[in-house]
N, C-alpha and C. Protein backbone atom coordinates (compact mmCIF):
# COMPACT_ATOMS: atom_id res chain seq x y z
N MET A 1 -118.88 -57.57 -151.02
CA MET A 1 -118.26 -56.42 -150.62
C MET A 1 -116.62 -55.77 -150.69
N LEU A 2 -116.62 -57.07 -149.44
CA LEU A 2 -115.01 -56.98 -148.58
C LEU A 2 -113.57 -57.61 -150.13
N ASN A 3 -114.46 -58.36 -150.70
CA ASN A 3 -113.47 -59.28 -152.06
C ASN A 3 -112.97 -58.49 -152.22
N THR A 4 -113.85 -57.01 -152.88
CA THR A 4 -113.41 -55.71 -153.89
C THR A 4 -112.67 -55.60 -153.32
N MET A 5 -112.91 -55.29 -152.16
CA MET A 5 -111.92 -53.73 -151.71
C MET A 5 -110.92 -54.44 -150.89
N ALA A 6 -110.75 -56.30 -150.45
CA ALA A 6 -109.04 -56.56 -149.89
C ALA A 6 -108.80 -55.99 -151.35
N SER A 7 -109.56 -57.02 -152.59
CA SER A 7 -107.97 -57.05 -153.93
C SER A 7 -107.47 -55.31 -154.02
N SER A 8 -108.56 -54.75 -154.82
CA SER A 8 -108.40 -53.26 -154.25
C SER A 8 -107.23 -52.84 -153.90
N PHE A 9 -107.24 -52.56 -152.18
CA PHE A 9 -106.43 -52.41 -151.40
C PHE A 9 -104.97 -52.42 -151.38
N ALA A 10 -104.42 -53.68 -151.79
CA ALA A 10 -103.29 -53.79 -152.50
C ALA A 10 -102.62 -53.07 -153.25
N GLN A 11 -103.32 -53.50 -154.56
CA GLN A 11 -103.47 -52.75 -155.87
C GLN A 11 -102.64 -50.92 -154.75
N ASP A 12 -103.99 -50.05 -154.48
CA ASP A 12 -103.73 -49.09 -153.96
C ASP A 12 -102.43 -48.54 -153.24
N PHE A 13 -102.38 -49.85 -151.77
CA PHE A 13 -101.96 -48.73 -151.88
C PHE A 13 -99.78 -49.47 -152.15
N ASP A 14 -99.61 -49.58 -153.66
CA ASP A 14 -99.12 -49.64 -154.11
C ASP A 14 -98.35 -48.85 -154.94
N LYS A 15 -100.13 -47.95 -155.81
CA LYS A 15 -100.25 -46.86 -156.53
C LYS A 15 -99.67 -45.49 -155.21
N LEU A 16 -100.08 -45.93 -154.40
CA LEU A 16 -99.79 -45.14 -153.00
C LEU A 16 -98.41 -44.42 -153.18
N ASP A 17 -97.35 -45.55 -152.70
CA ASP A 17 -96.14 -45.39 -152.88
C ASP A 17 -95.58 -45.23 -154.02
N VAL A 18 -95.88 -45.02 -154.61
CA VAL A 18 -95.42 -44.88 -156.28
C VAL A 18 -95.70 -43.73 -155.72
N ALA A 19 -97.31 -42.74 -155.87
CA ALA A 19 -97.37 -41.33 -155.99
C ALA A 19 -96.25 -40.74 -155.34
N VAL A 20 -95.63 -41.24 -153.90
CA VAL A 20 -95.37 -40.26 -153.15
C VAL A 20 -93.14 -40.98 -153.35
N ALA A 21 -93.12 -41.42 -154.64
CA ALA A 21 -91.85 -41.91 -154.54
C ALA A 21 -91.72 -40.50 -155.52
N ASN A 22 -92.50 -40.59 -156.59
CA ASN A 22 -92.00 -39.71 -157.48
C ASN A 22 -92.89 -38.13 -157.75
N ALA A 23 -93.30 -38.12 -156.40
CA ALA A 23 -94.87 -36.74 -156.12
C ALA A 23 -95.06 -37.00 -156.86
N ASP A 24 -95.37 -37.09 -156.73
CA ASP A 24 -96.56 -37.48 -158.49
C ASP A 24 -98.27 -36.66 -157.36
N ILE A 25 -98.55 -35.73 -157.40
CA ILE A 25 -99.59 -34.92 -156.23
C ILE A 25 -100.73 -35.33 -156.55
N SER A 26 -101.57 -35.52 -158.38
CA SER A 26 -102.29 -35.85 -158.93
C SER A 26 -102.73 -36.98 -158.44
N SER A 27 -102.23 -38.13 -158.85
CA SER A 27 -101.92 -40.03 -158.78
C SER A 27 -102.48 -40.12 -157.22
N LEU A 28 -101.26 -39.36 -155.66
CA LEU A 28 -101.77 -39.30 -154.95
C LEU A 28 -102.46 -39.38 -153.91
N LYS A 29 -102.95 -37.83 -154.14
CA LYS A 29 -104.79 -37.34 -153.61
C LYS A 29 -105.96 -38.71 -154.38
N SER A 30 -105.90 -38.40 -155.11
CA SER A 30 -107.21 -39.61 -155.91
C SER A 30 -107.00 -40.91 -155.77
N THR A 31 -105.99 -40.85 -154.97
CA THR A 31 -105.38 -43.00 -154.46
C THR A 31 -106.17 -42.83 -153.20
N ALA A 32 -106.18 -41.40 -152.19
CA ALA A 32 -105.86 -41.52 -150.98
C ALA A 32 -107.07 -41.35 -150.91
N HIS A 33 -107.82 -40.59 -151.17
CA HIS A 33 -108.94 -40.71 -151.04
C HIS A 33 -110.83 -41.65 -151.69
N ARG A 34 -109.62 -42.48 -152.49
CA ARG A 34 -110.41 -44.15 -152.93
C ARG A 34 -110.22 -44.90 -151.41
N LEU A 35 -109.11 -44.87 -151.50
CA LEU A 35 -108.50 -45.45 -150.51
C LEU A 35 -108.77 -45.11 -149.15
N LYS A 36 -109.49 -44.20 -148.73
CA LYS A 36 -110.45 -43.37 -147.63
C LYS A 36 -111.65 -43.64 -147.60
N SER A 37 -111.94 -43.53 -148.10
CA SER A 37 -113.75 -44.13 -148.50
C SER A 37 -114.07 -45.85 -148.38
N SER A 38 -113.08 -46.11 -148.98
CA SER A 38 -112.78 -47.47 -148.57
C SER A 38 -112.41 -48.19 -147.55
N LEU A 39 -111.75 -47.98 -147.04
CA LEU A 39 -110.89 -47.99 -145.60
C LEU A 39 -112.31 -47.75 -143.79
N ALA A 40 -113.01 -46.41 -144.31
CA ALA A 40 -113.71 -46.18 -143.61
C ALA A 40 -115.30 -46.46 -143.18
N LEU A 41 -115.95 -47.35 -144.69
CA LEU A 41 -116.17 -48.23 -145.43
C LEU A 41 -116.77 -50.05 -144.24
N ALA A 42 -114.43 -49.97 -144.76
CA ALA A 42 -114.86 -51.47 -143.96
C ALA A 42 -114.05 -50.79 -141.70
N GLY A 43 -114.86 -49.54 -141.71
CA GLY A 43 -114.29 -49.86 -140.48
C GLY A 43 -113.06 -49.08 -139.90
N GLU A 44 -112.17 -48.65 -140.79
CA GLU A 44 -110.83 -49.00 -140.50
C GLU A 44 -110.12 -47.63 -140.50
N ASN A 45 -111.01 -46.74 -139.59
CA ASN A 45 -110.66 -45.86 -139.42
C ASN A 45 -109.35 -45.03 -139.01
N GLU A 46 -108.71 -45.31 -138.46
CA GLU A 46 -107.11 -44.52 -138.51
C GLU A 46 -106.59 -44.68 -140.01
N PHE A 47 -106.78 -45.59 -140.11
CA PHE A 47 -106.10 -45.38 -141.32
C PHE A 47 -107.24 -44.74 -142.56
N ALA A 48 -107.92 -44.64 -142.12
CA ALA A 48 -108.43 -43.18 -143.28
C ALA A 48 -108.39 -41.21 -143.08
N LYS A 49 -108.21 -42.38 -142.20
CA LYS A 49 -108.32 -40.86 -141.07
C LYS A 49 -106.18 -40.68 -141.70
N TRP A 50 -105.39 -41.53 -141.68
CA TRP A 50 -103.69 -40.71 -142.71
C TRP A 50 -103.79 -40.87 -143.95
N MET A 51 -105.02 -41.81 -144.45
CA MET A 51 -105.59 -41.12 -146.28
C MET A 51 -105.92 -40.27 -146.12
N GLU A 52 -106.78 -39.45 -145.51
CA GLU A 52 -107.69 -37.94 -145.55
C GLU A 52 -106.02 -37.11 -145.48
N ILE A 53 -105.04 -37.17 -144.01
CA ILE A 53 -103.75 -36.14 -144.29
C ILE A 53 -103.43 -36.01 -145.15
N LEU A 54 -102.53 -37.33 -146.29
CA LEU A 54 -101.67 -37.72 -147.37
C LEU A 54 -102.76 -36.47 -148.51
N GLU A 55 -104.16 -37.67 -148.37
CA GLU A 55 -105.08 -35.84 -149.04
C GLU A 55 -104.87 -35.00 -150.00
N TYR A 56 -105.62 -34.33 -148.73
CA TYR A 56 -105.34 -32.99 -147.72
C TYR A 56 -104.12 -32.53 -147.58
N ASN A 57 -102.59 -32.62 -146.92
CA ASN A 57 -101.91 -32.43 -147.08
C ASN A 57 -100.96 -32.79 -148.83
N SER A 58 -101.17 -32.62 -149.12
CA SER A 58 -100.21 -33.39 -149.87
C SER A 58 -99.26 -32.31 -151.18
N GLU A 59 -100.43 -30.60 -150.87
CA GLU A 59 -100.02 -30.13 -152.10
C GLU A 59 -98.80 -29.12 -151.40
N THR A 60 -99.16 -28.75 -150.28
CA THR A 60 -98.40 -28.70 -149.55
C THR A 60 -97.50 -28.69 -148.72
N GLU A 61 -97.19 -30.15 -148.39
CA GLU A 61 -96.78 -30.66 -147.41
C GLU A 61 -95.89 -32.15 -148.10
N LEU A 62 -95.67 -32.11 -149.60
CA LEU A 62 -95.51 -33.58 -150.04
C LEU A 62 -94.03 -34.12 -149.64
N ARG A 63 -93.08 -32.90 -149.41
CA ARG A 63 -91.95 -33.81 -148.45
C ARG A 63 -91.96 -33.36 -147.67
N GLY A 64 -92.61 -32.78 -146.79
CA GLY A 64 -92.67 -32.61 -145.57
C GLY A 64 -93.72 -33.48 -144.48
N GLU A 65 -92.94 -33.44 -143.20
CA GLU A 65 -93.72 -34.70 -142.40
C GLU A 65 -94.84 -34.74 -141.50
N THR A 66 -95.50 -34.01 -141.97
CA THR A 66 -97.45 -34.17 -141.89
C THR A 66 -97.47 -35.29 -143.16
N VAL A 67 -96.76 -36.30 -143.94
CA VAL A 67 -96.85 -37.02 -145.01
C VAL A 67 -96.51 -38.18 -145.36
N LYS A 68 -94.75 -37.44 -144.15
CA LYS A 68 -94.01 -38.51 -144.07
C LYS A 68 -94.21 -39.59 -143.24
N ASP A 69 -94.72 -39.41 -141.41
CA ASP A 69 -95.59 -39.54 -140.86
C ASP A 69 -97.24 -40.54 -141.56
N ALA A 70 -97.04 -39.57 -141.75
CA ALA A 70 -98.56 -41.23 -142.20
C ALA A 70 -98.33 -41.68 -143.40
N HIS A 71 -97.51 -41.70 -143.90
CA HIS A 71 -97.19 -42.43 -145.12
C HIS A 71 -96.55 -43.88 -144.54
N ARG A 72 -95.56 -43.46 -143.72
CA ARG A 72 -94.71 -44.46 -142.88
C ARG A 72 -95.52 -45.42 -142.15
N SER A 73 -96.78 -45.15 -141.12
CA SER A 73 -97.75 -45.42 -140.46
C SER A 73 -98.34 -46.93 -141.60
N ILE A 74 -98.96 -45.90 -142.66
CA ILE A 74 -99.17 -46.77 -143.51
C ILE A 74 -98.71 -48.23 -144.03
N ILE A 75 -97.66 -48.00 -144.19
CA ILE A 75 -96.41 -48.73 -144.68
C ILE A 75 -96.40 -49.76 -143.51
N ALA A 76 -95.90 -48.79 -142.44
CA ALA A 76 -95.57 -50.85 -141.21
C ALA A 76 -97.43 -51.30 -140.70
N GLY A 77 -98.55 -50.02 -141.29
CA GLY A 77 -100.07 -51.50 -141.01
C GLY A 77 -100.47 -51.30 -141.68
N ARG A 78 -100.04 -51.54 -143.13
CA ARG A 78 -101.07 -52.22 -144.07
C ARG A 78 -100.75 -53.32 -144.27
N ASP A 79 -99.97 -53.98 -143.23
CA ASP A 79 -100.54 -56.05 -143.98
C ASP A 79 -100.85 -56.49 -142.64
N ASN A 80 -100.96 -55.75 -141.19
CA ASN A 80 -101.75 -55.80 -140.28
C ASN A 80 -103.20 -56.29 -141.20
N LEU A 81 -103.61 -54.23 -141.93
CA LEU A 81 -105.63 -54.21 -141.91
C LEU A 81 -105.67 -55.29 -143.48
N LEU A 82 -105.12 -55.72 -144.36
CA LEU A 82 -104.61 -56.93 -144.94
C LEU A 82 -105.19 -57.90 -144.79
N ARG A 83 -104.75 -58.58 -144.09
CA ARG A 83 -104.94 -59.96 -143.16
C ARG A 83 -106.05 -59.55 -142.35
N ARG A 84 -106.39 -57.89 -141.25
CA ARG A 84 -107.50 -58.40 -141.18
C ARG A 84 -109.07 -58.80 -141.80
N ILE A 85 -108.36 -57.34 -143.60
CA ILE A 85 -109.85 -57.36 -143.79
C ILE A 85 -110.13 -58.69 -144.56
N ASN A 86 -109.13 -59.63 -145.11
CA ASN A 86 -108.67 -61.47 -145.82
C ASN A 86 -109.46 -61.92 -144.47
N GLN A 87 -109.00 -61.87 -143.47
CA GLN A 87 -110.03 -62.88 -141.71
C GLN A 87 -111.87 -62.32 -141.90
N GLN A 88 -112.20 -61.29 -141.82
CA GLN A 88 -113.60 -60.68 -141.95
C GLN A 88 -114.01 -61.55 -142.80
N ILE A 89 -112.97 -61.70 -143.90
CA ILE A 89 -114.24 -62.08 -145.41
C ILE A 89 -114.23 -64.06 -145.19
N GLU A 90 -113.29 -64.69 -144.28
CA GLU A 90 -113.01 -65.92 -144.30
C GLU A 90 -114.20 -65.98 -143.96
N ASP A 91 -114.12 -65.20 -142.48
CA ASP A 91 -115.00 -65.29 -141.01
C ASP A 91 -116.60 -65.18 -141.49
N LEU A 92 -116.92 -64.31 -142.16
CA LEU A 92 -118.29 -64.37 -143.25
C LEU A 92 -118.00 -65.97 -143.60
N LYS A 93 -117.42 -66.33 -144.65
CA LYS A 93 -117.75 -67.45 -145.28
C LYS A 93 -118.28 -68.14 -144.63
N LYS A 94 -118.78 -68.57 -142.84
CA LYS A 94 -118.10 -69.33 -141.80
C LYS A 94 -120.15 -69.47 -141.94
């Protein structure tokens, strides 16, 4: 399950960046929702909360500070997140 999540996270983060840049509310909401569920399952509650902010505030605040702050936090932490998930996968293989 973690393998599947890890491979889709990078793609979904890229989709999220494009959706924010293009003000694509539909894509932003669906991608944030999908990531929110997966991140919560992986125990990444802080990231899941940021996705919730993006999902529920995208229509009214796509260019507002709430969405921008959440997106900046995601960008700043996603490399560490992906490393943690990959480390969990490696630990399970041992």
